[in-house]
Amino acid sequence: MDIFERMRNGELILESDPEYPVLYEALLRGMRITGQLNASYHTPAETRAIISELTGQELDESTWIVPPFYSDFGQFIRFGKKVFVNSGCMFMDRGGITLEDGVFIGPNVNIITENHAEEPELRHNVYTRPILIKRNAWIGAAAVILPGVTIGENAIVAAGAVVTKDVPDNMIVGGVPARTIRPIKTSEPK
């Protein structure tokens, strides 16, 4: 397995790894592309084209990302259809971030798949866990989603929440750390 596969599998990647220069170049690529995106105004179509270059995935025209948008890598983000990402978001995606159809991301949300070893002598090294945000979930402003979390279908993460554990389908969570608030209200047909 190459360094990217090992990284996606959650292996602790050491700065001394012989393949680390390849990873470093990929990180510089992500910074270059997001720098281009955030340096000036772009139409929604131009923004989608730049994000498509970053991710290597052609974004559906129903997906809307409002710059500035930040990513330290970019190649492991997957966007569904009708996804909305508001301004100021940071996606640290080395572990993989998947946003299914209809996901709604508020401003200044941080989605972070990376973490560091607890031991001081290994702390400068990185391991990852993927994040999955299921269909029609809504992540409120300035929320933080931490490595390995799955946000359930239709779930809501309240503004400012720090999500450390999976969120069930159709549930609202909030707080630091996030806890269940209640199930989602549904409209009954009249």
N, C-alpha and C. Protein backbone atom coordinates (compact mmCIF):
# COMPACT_ATOMS: atom_id res chain seq x y z
N MET A 1 0.84 -1.18 0.00
CA MET A 1 0.00 0.00 0.00
C MET A 1 0.89 1.25 0.00
N ASP A 2 0.44 2.26 -0.76
CA ASP A 2 1.19 3.51 -0.74
C ASP A 2 0.79 4.34 0.48
N ILE A 3 1.42 5.47 0.68
CA ILE A 3 1.20 6.29 1.86
C ILE A 3 -0.25 6.77 1.97
N PHE A 4 -0.90 7.02 0.82
CA PHE A 4 -2.29 7.49 0.86
C PHE A 4 -3.23 6.38 1.33
N GLU A 5 -3.01 5.16 0.86
CA GLU A 5 -3.83 4.03 1.32
C GLU A 5 -3.59 3.76 2.80
N ARG A 6 -2.33 3.79 3.22
CA ARG A 6 -2.02 3.57 4.63
C ARG A 6 -2.65 4.65 5.49
N MET A 7 -2.61 5.89 5.01
CA MET A 7 -3.21 7.00 5.74
C MET A 7 -4.72 6.80 5.87
N ARG A 8 -5.38 6.45 4.76
CA ARG A 8 -6.83 6.22 4.78
C ARG A 8 -7.21 5.04 5.66
N ASN A 9 -6.29 4.08 5.85
CA ASN A 9 -6.54 2.93 6.71
C ASN A 9 -6.27 3.22 8.18
N GLY A 10 -5.93 4.48 8.51
CA GLY A 10 -5.76 4.87 9.89
C GLY A 10 -4.37 4.64 10.46
N GLU A 11 -3.40 4.28 9.62
CA GLU A 11 -2.04 4.06 10.10
C GLU A 11 -1.43 5.40 10.53
N LEU A 12 -0.68 5.38 11.61
CA LEU A 12 0.05 6.56 12.04
C LEU A 12 1.14 6.83 11.00
N ILE A 13 1.08 8.00 10.38
CA ILE A 13 2.05 8.36 9.34
C ILE A 13 3.15 9.21 9.99
N LEU A 14 4.35 8.69 9.95
CA LEU A 14 5.48 9.37 10.55
C LEU A 14 6.10 10.36 9.58
N GLU A 15 6.59 11.47 10.11
CA GLU A 15 7.29 12.44 9.26
C GLU A 15 8.54 11.84 8.64
N SER A 16 9.06 10.78 9.23
CA SER A 16 10.25 10.11 8.71
C SER A 16 9.92 9.04 7.67
N ASP A 17 8.63 8.83 7.37
CA ASP A 17 8.22 7.84 6.37
C ASP A 17 8.90 8.16 5.04
N PRO A 18 9.47 7.16 4.35
CA PRO A 18 10.15 7.43 3.08
C PRO A 18 9.23 8.05 2.02
N GLU A 19 7.93 7.81 2.13
CA GLU A 19 6.97 8.38 1.16
C GLU A 19 6.41 9.73 1.60
N TYR A 20 6.81 10.22 2.77
CA TYR A 20 6.26 11.48 3.28
C TYR A 20 6.40 12.65 2.28
N PRO A 21 7.50 12.74 1.53
CA PRO A 21 7.59 13.85 0.55
C PRO A 21 6.43 13.86 -0.47
N VAL A 22 5.92 12.69 -0.83
CA VAL A 22 4.78 12.60 -1.76
C VAL A 22 3.53 13.19 -1.09
N LEU A 23 3.32 12.86 0.18
CA LEU A 23 2.20 13.41 0.94
C LEU A 23 2.35 14.92 1.09
N TYR A 24 3.54 15.37 1.38
CA TYR A 24 3.80 16.79 1.54
C TYR A 24 3.47 17.55 0.25
N GLU A 25 3.85 16.99 -0.89
CA GLU A 25 3.53 17.63 -2.17
C GLU A 25 2.01 17.70 -2.39
N ALA A 26 1.30 16.66 -1.99
CA ALA A 26 -0.17 16.67 -2.10
C ALA A 26 -0.78 17.75 -1.20
N LEU A 27 -0.21 17.94 -0.02
CA LEU A 27 -0.68 18.99 0.87
C LEU A 27 -0.44 20.38 0.27
N LEU A 28 0.73 20.57 -0.33
CA LEU A 28 1.02 21.85 -1.00
C LEU A 28 0.06 22.09 -2.15
N ARG A 29 -0.28 21.03 -2.90
CA ARG A 29 -1.25 21.12 -3.99
C ARG A 29 -2.59 21.62 -3.47
N GLY A 30 -3.06 21.04 -2.36
CA GLY A 30 -4.33 21.46 -1.77
C GLY A 30 -4.30 22.92 -1.35
N MET A 31 -3.20 23.35 -0.77
CA MET A 31 -3.07 24.76 -0.37
C MET A 31 -3.05 25.68 -1.58
N ARG A 32 -2.38 25.25 -2.65
CA ARG A 32 -2.33 26.07 -3.86
C ARG A 32 -3.72 26.25 -4.46
N ILE A 33 -4.48 25.17 -4.57
CA ILE A 33 -5.81 25.23 -5.19
C ILE A 33 -6.77 26.03 -4.32
N THR A 34 -6.77 25.80 -3.00
CA THR A 34 -7.68 26.58 -2.15
C THR A 34 -7.25 28.04 -2.09
N GLY A 35 -5.95 28.30 -2.19
CA GLY A 35 -5.48 29.67 -2.26
C GLY A 35 -6.01 30.38 -3.50
N GLN A 36 -6.01 29.67 -4.62
CA GLN A 36 -6.57 30.21 -5.87
C GLN A 36 -8.06 30.48 -5.70
N LEU A 37 -8.77 29.55 -5.09
CA LEU A 37 -10.21 29.71 -4.87
C LEU A 37 -10.51 30.93 -4.02
N ASN A 38 -9.75 31.11 -2.95
CA ASN A 38 -10.06 32.14 -1.97
C ASN A 38 -9.46 33.50 -2.27
N ALA A 39 -8.65 33.61 -3.32
CA ALA A 39 -7.95 34.86 -3.62
C ALA A 39 -8.82 35.93 -4.27
N SER A 40 -9.90 35.51 -4.94
CA SER A 40 -10.76 36.48 -5.60
C SER A 40 -12.15 35.89 -5.80
N TYR A 41 -13.05 36.72 -6.33
CA TYR A 41 -14.42 36.27 -6.57
C TYR A 41 -14.46 35.24 -7.70
N HIS A 42 -15.31 34.23 -7.53
CA HIS A 42 -15.60 33.25 -8.58
C HIS A 42 -17.10 33.00 -8.60
N THR A 43 -17.66 32.81 -9.78
CA THR A 43 -19.06 32.44 -9.90
C THR A 43 -19.25 31.06 -9.26
N PRO A 44 -20.49 30.68 -8.96
CA PRO A 44 -20.70 29.33 -8.43
C PRO A 44 -20.16 28.24 -9.37
N ALA A 45 -20.30 28.42 -10.68
CA ALA A 45 -19.78 27.42 -11.63
C ALA A 45 -18.25 27.37 -11.58
N GLU A 46 -17.60 28.53 -11.50
CA GLU A 46 -16.14 28.56 -11.39
C GLU A 46 -15.68 27.93 -10.08
N THR A 47 -16.40 28.20 -9.01
CA THR A 47 -16.08 27.60 -7.71
C THR A 47 -16.18 26.09 -7.79
N ARG A 48 -17.27 25.58 -8.40
CA ARG A 48 -17.41 24.12 -8.56
C ARG A 48 -16.25 23.54 -9.36
N ALA A 49 -15.81 24.24 -10.40
CA ALA A 49 -14.70 23.76 -11.23
C ALA A 49 -13.41 23.68 -10.41
N ILE A 50 -13.16 24.69 -9.58
CA ILE A 50 -11.95 24.68 -8.76
C ILE A 50 -12.02 23.58 -7.71
N ILE A 51 -13.18 23.41 -7.08
CA ILE A 51 -13.35 22.34 -6.09
C ILE A 51 -13.25 20.98 -6.77
N SER A 52 -13.75 20.87 -8.00
CA SER A 52 -13.61 19.62 -8.76
C SER A 52 -12.15 19.29 -9.00
N GLU A 53 -11.34 20.31 -9.32
CA GLU A 53 -9.90 20.09 -9.48
C GLU A 53 -9.28 19.63 -8.16
N LEU A 54 -9.67 20.26 -7.06
CA LEU A 54 -9.15 19.92 -5.75
C LEU A 54 -9.45 18.46 -5.38
N THR A 55 -10.70 18.05 -5.59
CA THR A 55 -11.15 16.73 -5.14
C THR A 55 -10.93 15.62 -6.16
N GLY A 56 -10.77 16.01 -7.43
CA GLY A 56 -10.70 14.99 -8.48
C GLY A 56 -12.07 14.41 -8.80
N GLN A 57 -13.13 15.06 -8.35
CA GLN A 57 -14.51 14.63 -8.56
C GLN A 57 -15.27 15.76 -9.22
N GLU A 58 -15.98 15.46 -10.30
CA GLU A 58 -16.82 16.47 -10.95
C GLU A 58 -18.03 16.73 -10.06
N LEU A 59 -18.14 17.96 -9.56
CA LEU A 59 -19.26 18.32 -8.70
C LEU A 59 -20.53 18.52 -9.52
N ASP A 60 -21.64 18.04 -9.01
CA ASP A 60 -22.93 18.24 -9.64
C ASP A 60 -23.27 19.73 -9.59
N GLU A 61 -23.95 20.22 -10.63
CA GLU A 61 -24.28 21.65 -10.67
C GLU A 61 -25.24 22.07 -9.56
N SER A 62 -25.88 21.11 -8.89
CA SER A 62 -26.78 21.44 -7.77
C SER A 62 -26.01 21.67 -6.47
N THR A 63 -24.72 21.39 -6.46
CA THR A 63 -23.90 21.59 -5.25
C THR A 63 -23.35 23.01 -5.26
N TRP A 64 -23.42 23.66 -4.09
CA TRP A 64 -23.01 25.06 -3.98
C TRP A 64 -22.07 25.20 -2.79
N ILE A 65 -20.87 25.69 -3.05
CA ILE A 65 -19.88 25.93 -2.01
C ILE A 65 -19.57 27.42 -2.03
N VAL A 66 -19.70 28.07 -0.88
CA VAL A 66 -19.48 29.51 -0.76
C VAL A 66 -18.07 29.74 -0.19
N PRO A 67 -17.17 30.34 -0.97
CA PRO A 67 -15.84 30.63 -0.44
C PRO A 67 -15.90 31.71 0.64
N PRO A 68 -14.90 31.82 1.50
CA PRO A 68 -13.70 31.00 1.45
C PRO A 68 -13.97 29.57 1.94
N PHE A 69 -13.23 28.66 1.35
CA PHE A 69 -13.30 27.23 1.68
C PHE A 69 -11.87 26.77 1.86
N TYR A 70 -11.62 26.02 2.92
CA TYR A 70 -10.26 25.58 3.22
C TYR A 70 -10.18 24.06 3.30
N SER A 71 -9.08 23.53 2.82
CA SER A 71 -8.78 22.12 2.96
C SER A 71 -7.27 21.96 2.98
N ASP A 72 -6.79 21.07 3.83
CA ASP A 72 -5.35 20.85 3.87
C ASP A 72 -4.92 19.81 2.85
N PHE A 73 -5.85 19.17 2.19
CA PHE A 73 -5.53 18.08 1.26
C PHE A 73 -6.47 18.14 0.07
N GLY A 74 -7.74 17.81 0.29
CA GLY A 74 -8.77 17.97 -0.73
C GLY A 74 -9.10 16.76 -1.57
N GLN A 75 -8.16 15.85 -1.70
CA GLN A 75 -8.38 14.73 -2.62
C GLN A 75 -9.30 13.64 -2.08
N PHE A 76 -9.60 13.68 -0.78
CA PHE A 76 -10.46 12.65 -0.19
C PHE A 76 -11.80 13.20 0.29
N ILE A 77 -12.28 14.27 -0.37
CA ILE A 77 -13.61 14.81 -0.09
C ILE A 77 -14.53 14.34 -1.20
N ARG A 78 -15.72 13.87 -0.84
CA ARG A 78 -16.73 13.46 -1.81
C ARG A 78 -18.02 14.20 -1.51
N PHE A 79 -18.54 14.90 -2.52
CA PHE A 79 -19.77 15.68 -2.41
C PHE A 79 -20.89 14.99 -3.16
N GLY A 80 -22.06 14.86 -2.53
CA GLY A 80 -23.25 14.38 -3.21
C GLY A 80 -23.91 15.52 -3.97
N LYS A 81 -25.13 15.27 -4.41
CA LYS A 81 -25.93 16.29 -5.10
C LYS A 81 -26.65 17.17 -4.07
N LYS A 82 -26.95 18.40 -4.47
CA LYS A 82 -27.70 19.35 -3.65
C LYS A 82 -27.04 19.58 -2.28
N VAL A 83 -25.71 19.53 -2.25
CA VAL A 83 -24.96 19.83 -1.03
C VAL A 83 -24.74 21.34 -1.00
N PHE A 84 -24.87 21.93 0.19
CA PHE A 84 -24.58 23.35 0.38
C PHE A 84 -23.53 23.47 1.48
N VAL A 85 -22.44 24.18 1.19
CA VAL A 85 -21.39 24.44 2.17
C VAL A 85 -21.24 25.96 2.25
N ASN A 86 -21.53 26.53 3.42
CA ASN A 86 -21.46 27.97 3.60
C ASN A 86 -20.01 28.41 3.80
N SER A 87 -19.79 29.70 3.92
CA SER A 87 -18.45 30.27 3.91
C SER A 87 -17.65 29.95 5.17
N GLY A 88 -16.33 29.93 4.99
CA GLY A 88 -15.40 29.82 6.10
C GLY A 88 -15.18 28.42 6.64
N CYS A 89 -15.57 27.38 5.90
CA CYS A 89 -15.44 26.01 6.41
C CYS A 89 -14.04 25.45 6.16
N MET A 90 -13.60 24.58 7.08
CA MET A 90 -12.33 23.89 6.96
C MET A 90 -12.58 22.39 6.95
N PHE A 91 -12.17 21.73 5.86
CA PHE A 91 -12.30 20.28 5.73
C PHE A 91 -10.89 19.68 5.74
N MET A 92 -10.50 19.06 6.84
CA MET A 92 -9.23 18.34 6.92
C MET A 92 -9.54 16.89 6.59
N ASP A 93 -9.29 16.52 5.34
CA ASP A 93 -9.88 15.31 4.76
C ASP A 93 -8.93 14.14 4.54
N ARG A 94 -7.76 14.13 5.11
CA ARG A 94 -6.82 13.04 4.81
C ARG A 94 -7.39 11.67 5.16
N GLY A 95 -8.36 11.61 6.06
CA GLY A 95 -9.00 10.34 6.40
C GLY A 95 -10.22 10.04 5.54
N GLY A 96 -10.69 11.03 4.79
CA GLY A 96 -11.87 10.87 3.93
C GLY A 96 -13.10 11.53 4.53
N ILE A 97 -13.72 12.42 3.76
CA ILE A 97 -14.96 13.08 4.16
C ILE A 97 -15.98 12.83 3.06
N THR A 98 -17.12 12.29 3.42
CA THR A 98 -18.21 12.06 2.47
C THR A 98 -19.43 12.85 2.93
N LEU A 99 -19.94 13.72 2.02
CA LEU A 99 -21.18 14.45 2.25
C LEU A 99 -22.20 13.90 1.25
N GLU A 100 -23.18 13.18 1.75
CA GLU A 100 -24.19 12.59 0.87
C GLU A 100 -25.15 13.67 0.37
N ASP A 101 -26.07 13.28 -0.50
CA ASP A 101 -27.02 14.21 -1.12
C ASP A 101 -27.77 15.01 -0.08
N GLY A 102 -27.94 16.31 -0.36
CA GLY A 102 -28.77 17.18 0.45
C GLY A 102 -28.14 17.65 1.75
N VAL A 103 -26.87 17.38 1.98
CA VAL A 103 -26.22 17.83 3.22
C VAL A 103 -26.11 19.34 3.21
N PHE A 104 -26.32 19.94 4.37
CA PHE A 104 -26.32 21.38 4.55
C PHE A 104 -25.29 21.71 5.62
N ILE A 105 -24.25 22.47 5.26
CA ILE A 105 -23.16 22.81 6.18
C ILE A 105 -23.18 24.31 6.44
N GLY A 106 -23.33 24.71 7.70
CA GLY A 106 -23.35 26.13 8.07
C GLY A 106 -21.97 26.76 7.98
N PRO A 107 -21.90 28.09 8.20
CA PRO A 107 -20.62 28.78 8.10
C PRO A 107 -19.65 28.38 9.22
N ASN A 108 -18.36 28.43 8.87
CA ASN A 108 -17.28 28.21 9.83
C ASN A 108 -17.28 26.84 10.50
N VAL A 109 -17.79 25.84 9.81
CA VAL A 109 -17.78 24.46 10.31
C VAL A 109 -16.40 23.86 10.05
N ASN A 110 -15.92 23.09 11.02
CA ASN A 110 -14.66 22.35 10.88
C ASN A 110 -14.97 20.86 10.87
N ILE A 111 -14.55 20.19 9.80
CA ILE A 111 -14.70 18.75 9.69
C ILE A 111 -13.29 18.19 9.63
N ILE A 112 -12.90 17.47 10.68
CA ILE A 112 -11.50 17.13 10.88
C ILE A 112 -11.33 15.61 11.02
N THR A 113 -10.68 15.00 10.04
CA THR A 113 -10.47 13.55 10.05
C THR A 113 -9.13 13.16 10.64
N GLU A 114 -8.33 14.14 11.01
CA GLU A 114 -6.95 13.89 11.43
C GLU A 114 -6.78 14.10 12.93
N ASN A 115 -5.84 13.33 13.48
CA ASN A 115 -5.51 13.49 14.89
C ASN A 115 -4.04 13.15 15.08
N HIS A 116 -3.55 13.41 16.27
CA HIS A 116 -2.15 13.17 16.58
C HIS A 116 -2.05 12.16 17.71
N ALA A 117 -0.92 11.47 17.75
CA ALA A 117 -0.67 10.49 18.80
C ALA A 117 -0.60 11.19 20.16
N GLU A 118 -1.02 10.47 21.17
CA GLU A 118 -0.99 10.99 22.54
C GLU A 118 0.44 11.13 23.07
N GLU A 119 1.30 10.19 22.70
CA GLU A 119 2.67 10.18 23.21
C GLU A 119 3.44 11.39 22.68
N PRO A 120 4.08 12.17 23.56
CA PRO A 120 4.79 13.37 23.12
C PRO A 120 5.82 13.12 22.02
N GLU A 121 6.51 11.98 22.07
CA GLU A 121 7.54 11.70 21.06
C GLU A 121 6.95 11.38 19.69
N LEU A 122 5.65 11.09 19.61
CA LEU A 122 4.99 10.79 18.33
C LEU A 122 4.00 11.87 17.91
N ARG A 123 3.83 12.90 18.71
CA ARG A 123 2.76 13.86 18.53
C ARG A 123 2.81 14.62 17.21
N HIS A 124 3.96 14.76 16.59
CA HIS A 124 4.06 15.49 15.32
C HIS A 124 3.60 14.64 14.14
N ASN A 125 3.24 13.41 14.39
CA ASN A 125 2.78 12.51 13.34
C ASN A 125 1.25 12.44 13.35
N VAL A 126 0.67 11.97 12.25
CA VAL A 126 -0.79 12.05 12.06
C VAL A 126 -1.38 10.67 11.77
N TYR A 127 -2.55 10.42 12.35
CA TYR A 127 -3.39 9.29 11.94
C TYR A 127 -4.77 9.83 11.62
N THR A 128 -5.56 9.07 10.89
CA THR A 128 -6.86 9.57 10.41
C THR A 128 -7.98 8.57 10.66
N ARG A 129 -9.20 9.11 10.66
CA ARG A 129 -10.43 8.32 10.70
C ARG A 129 -11.45 9.02 9.80
N PRO A 130 -12.17 8.28 8.96
CA PRO A 130 -13.11 8.93 8.02
C PRO A 130 -14.33 9.52 8.72
N ILE A 131 -14.92 10.51 8.06
CA ILE A 131 -16.17 11.13 8.52
C ILE A 131 -17.21 10.96 7.43
N LEU A 132 -18.39 10.52 7.82
CA LEU A 132 -19.52 10.35 6.90
C LEU A 132 -20.67 11.22 7.40
N ILE A 133 -21.17 12.09 6.53
CA ILE A 133 -22.35 12.90 6.85
C ILE A 133 -23.44 12.45 5.89
N LYS A 134 -24.44 11.80 6.46
CA LYS A 134 -25.47 11.15 5.64
C LYS A 134 -26.50 12.14 5.09
N ARG A 135 -27.30 11.63 4.20
CA ARG A 135 -28.30 12.38 3.43
C ARG A 135 -29.12 13.33 4.29
N ASN A 136 -29.22 14.57 3.81
CA ASN A 136 -30.06 15.62 4.40
C ASN A 136 -29.68 16.03 5.82
N ALA A 137 -28.48 15.69 6.26
CA ALA A 137 -28.05 16.17 7.58
C ALA A 137 -27.72 17.66 7.50
N TRP A 138 -27.84 18.34 8.63
CA TRP A 138 -27.57 19.77 8.71
C TRP A 138 -26.58 20.00 9.84
N ILE A 139 -25.44 20.59 9.51
CA ILE A 139 -24.41 20.90 10.49
C ILE A 139 -24.46 22.41 10.72
N GLY A 140 -24.77 22.83 11.95
CA GLY A 140 -24.95 24.24 12.28
C GLY A 140 -23.63 25.01 12.33
N ALA A 141 -23.76 26.32 12.31
CA ALA A 141 -22.61 27.23 12.27
C ALA A 141 -21.59 26.92 13.35
N ALA A 142 -20.32 26.93 12.95
CA ALA A 142 -19.17 26.78 13.85
C ALA A 142 -19.13 25.46 14.61
N ALA A 143 -19.85 24.46 14.13
CA ALA A 143 -19.75 23.13 14.74
C ALA A 143 -18.42 22.50 14.34
N VAL A 144 -17.98 21.55 15.15
CA VAL A 144 -16.75 20.81 14.88
C VAL A 144 -17.10 19.32 14.87
N ILE A 145 -16.75 18.65 13.77
CA ILE A 145 -16.96 17.21 13.64
C ILE A 145 -15.59 16.56 13.71
N LEU A 146 -15.39 15.66 14.68
CA LEU A 146 -14.07 15.08 14.92
C LEU A 146 -13.90 13.72 14.24
N PRO A 147 -12.66 13.22 14.16
CA PRO A 147 -12.35 12.01 13.39
C PRO A 147 -13.23 10.81 13.75
N GLY A 148 -13.62 10.08 12.70
CA GLY A 148 -14.33 8.82 12.85
C GLY A 148 -15.82 8.91 13.07
N VAL A 149 -16.39 10.11 13.02
CA VAL A 149 -17.80 10.31 13.33
C VAL A 149 -18.67 10.11 12.09
N THR A 150 -19.84 9.51 12.29
CA THR A 150 -20.89 9.44 11.28
C THR A 150 -22.07 10.26 11.78
N ILE A 151 -22.55 11.18 10.95
CA ILE A 151 -23.74 11.98 11.25
C ILE A 151 -24.89 11.33 10.49
N GLY A 152 -25.94 10.94 11.20
CA GLY A 152 -27.04 10.19 10.62
C GLY A 152 -27.89 10.98 9.63
N GLU A 153 -28.67 10.26 8.87
CA GLU A 153 -29.58 10.84 7.89
C GLU A 153 -30.56 11.78 8.59
N ASN A 154 -30.77 12.96 8.01
CA ASN A 154 -31.68 14.00 8.50
C ASN A 154 -31.29 14.60 9.85
N ALA A 155 -30.18 14.18 10.44
CA ALA A 155 -29.76 14.67 11.76
C ALA A 155 -29.41 16.15 11.70
N ILE A 156 -29.46 16.80 12.85
CA ILE A 156 -29.07 18.20 12.99
C ILE A 156 -28.02 18.28 14.09
N VAL A 157 -26.91 18.96 13.77
CA VAL A 157 -25.88 19.27 14.76
C VAL A 157 -26.02 20.76 15.05
N ALA A 158 -26.31 21.11 16.30
CA ALA A 158 -26.54 22.50 16.69
C ALA A 158 -25.28 23.34 16.50
N ALA A 159 -25.49 24.62 16.30
CA ALA A 159 -24.38 25.56 16.15
C ALA A 159 -23.44 25.46 17.34
N GLY A 160 -22.14 25.45 17.06
CA GLY A 160 -21.13 25.44 18.10
C GLY A 160 -20.87 24.10 18.76
N ALA A 161 -21.57 23.06 18.35
CA ALA A 161 -21.39 21.74 18.95
C ALA A 161 -20.04 21.15 18.56
N VAL A 162 -19.52 20.29 19.43
CA VAL A 162 -18.31 19.53 19.14
C VAL A 162 -18.72 18.06 19.17
N VAL A 163 -18.73 17.43 17.99
CA VAL A 163 -19.25 16.07 17.86
C VAL A 163 -18.09 15.08 17.93
N THR A 164 -18.13 14.25 18.98
CA THR A 164 -17.07 13.27 19.22
C THR A 164 -17.54 11.84 18.99
N LYS A 165 -18.88 11.66 18.88
CA LYS A 165 -19.46 10.32 18.71
C LYS A 165 -20.50 10.36 17.60
N ASP A 166 -20.83 9.19 17.07
CA ASP A 166 -21.83 9.09 16.00
C ASP A 166 -23.16 9.70 16.44
N VAL A 167 -23.86 10.29 15.48
CA VAL A 167 -25.18 10.88 15.70
C VAL A 167 -26.20 10.00 14.96
N PRO A 168 -27.22 9.49 15.65
CA PRO A 168 -28.21 8.64 14.99
C PRO A 168 -29.03 9.42 13.95
N ASP A 169 -29.65 8.69 13.05
CA ASP A 169 -30.58 9.28 12.09
C ASP A 169 -31.67 10.05 12.83
N ASN A 170 -32.15 11.15 12.23
CA ASN A 170 -33.32 11.90 12.71
C ASN A 170 -33.20 12.40 14.15
N MET A 171 -31.98 12.77 14.56
CA MET A 171 -31.76 13.22 15.92
C MET A 171 -31.07 14.58 15.90
N ILE A 172 -31.35 15.41 16.92
CA ILE A 172 -30.68 16.69 17.10
C ILE A 172 -29.69 16.54 18.25
N VAL A 173 -28.45 17.00 18.02
CA VAL A 173 -27.44 17.00 19.08
C VAL A 173 -26.87 18.40 19.22
N GLY A 174 -26.34 18.70 20.40
CA GLY A 174 -25.71 19.99 20.64
C GLY A 174 -24.86 19.94 21.88
N GLY A 175 -24.01 20.95 22.03
CA GLY A 175 -23.18 21.08 23.23
C GLY A 175 -21.75 20.66 22.99
N VAL A 176 -20.98 20.73 24.08
CA VAL A 176 -19.56 20.39 24.05
C VAL A 176 -19.28 19.49 25.25
N PRO A 177 -19.06 18.21 25.04
CA PRO A 177 -19.23 17.50 23.78
C PRO A 177 -20.71 17.36 23.45
N ALA A 178 -21.01 17.12 22.18
CA ALA A 178 -22.40 17.04 21.73
C ALA A 178 -23.13 15.88 22.40
N ARG A 179 -24.36 16.18 22.81
CA ARG A 179 -25.25 15.17 23.41
C ARG A 179 -26.60 15.25 22.72
N THR A 180 -27.36 14.17 22.80
CA THR A 180 -28.67 14.14 22.19
C THR A 180 -29.58 15.17 22.86
N ILE A 181 -30.27 15.96 22.04
CA ILE A 181 -31.25 16.92 22.53
C ILE A 181 -32.65 16.33 22.41
N ARG A 182 -32.98 15.89 21.20
CA ARG A 182 -34.30 15.28 20.96
C ARG A 182 -34.36 14.78 19.52
N PRO A 183 -35.42 14.00 19.21
CA PRO A 183 -35.64 13.59 17.82
C PRO A 183 -36.10 14.79 16.98
N ILE A 184 -35.93 14.69 15.69
CA ILE A 184 -36.38 15.71 14.75
C ILE A 184 -37.90 15.71 14.69
N LYS A 185 -38.50 16.89 14.65
CA LYS A 185 -39.95 16.99 14.45
C LYS A 185 -40.25 16.66 12.99
N THR A 186 -41.37 16.01 12.79
CA THR A 186 -41.82 15.74 11.41
C THR A 186 -43.17 16.38 11.19
N SER A 187 -43.42 16.78 9.96
CA SER A 187 -44.73 17.35 9.62
C SER A 187 -45.67 16.24 9.24
N GLU A 188 -46.79 16.25 9.84
CA GLU A 188 -47.82 15.28 9.50
C GLU A 188 -48.65 15.83 8.34
N PRO A 189 -48.90 15.04 7.30
CA PRO A 189 -49.75 15.52 6.22
C PRO A 189 -51.15 15.84 6.73
N LYS A 190 -51.72 16.93 6.21
CA LYS A 190 -53.05 17.33 6.67
C LYS A 190 -54.12 16.81 5.76
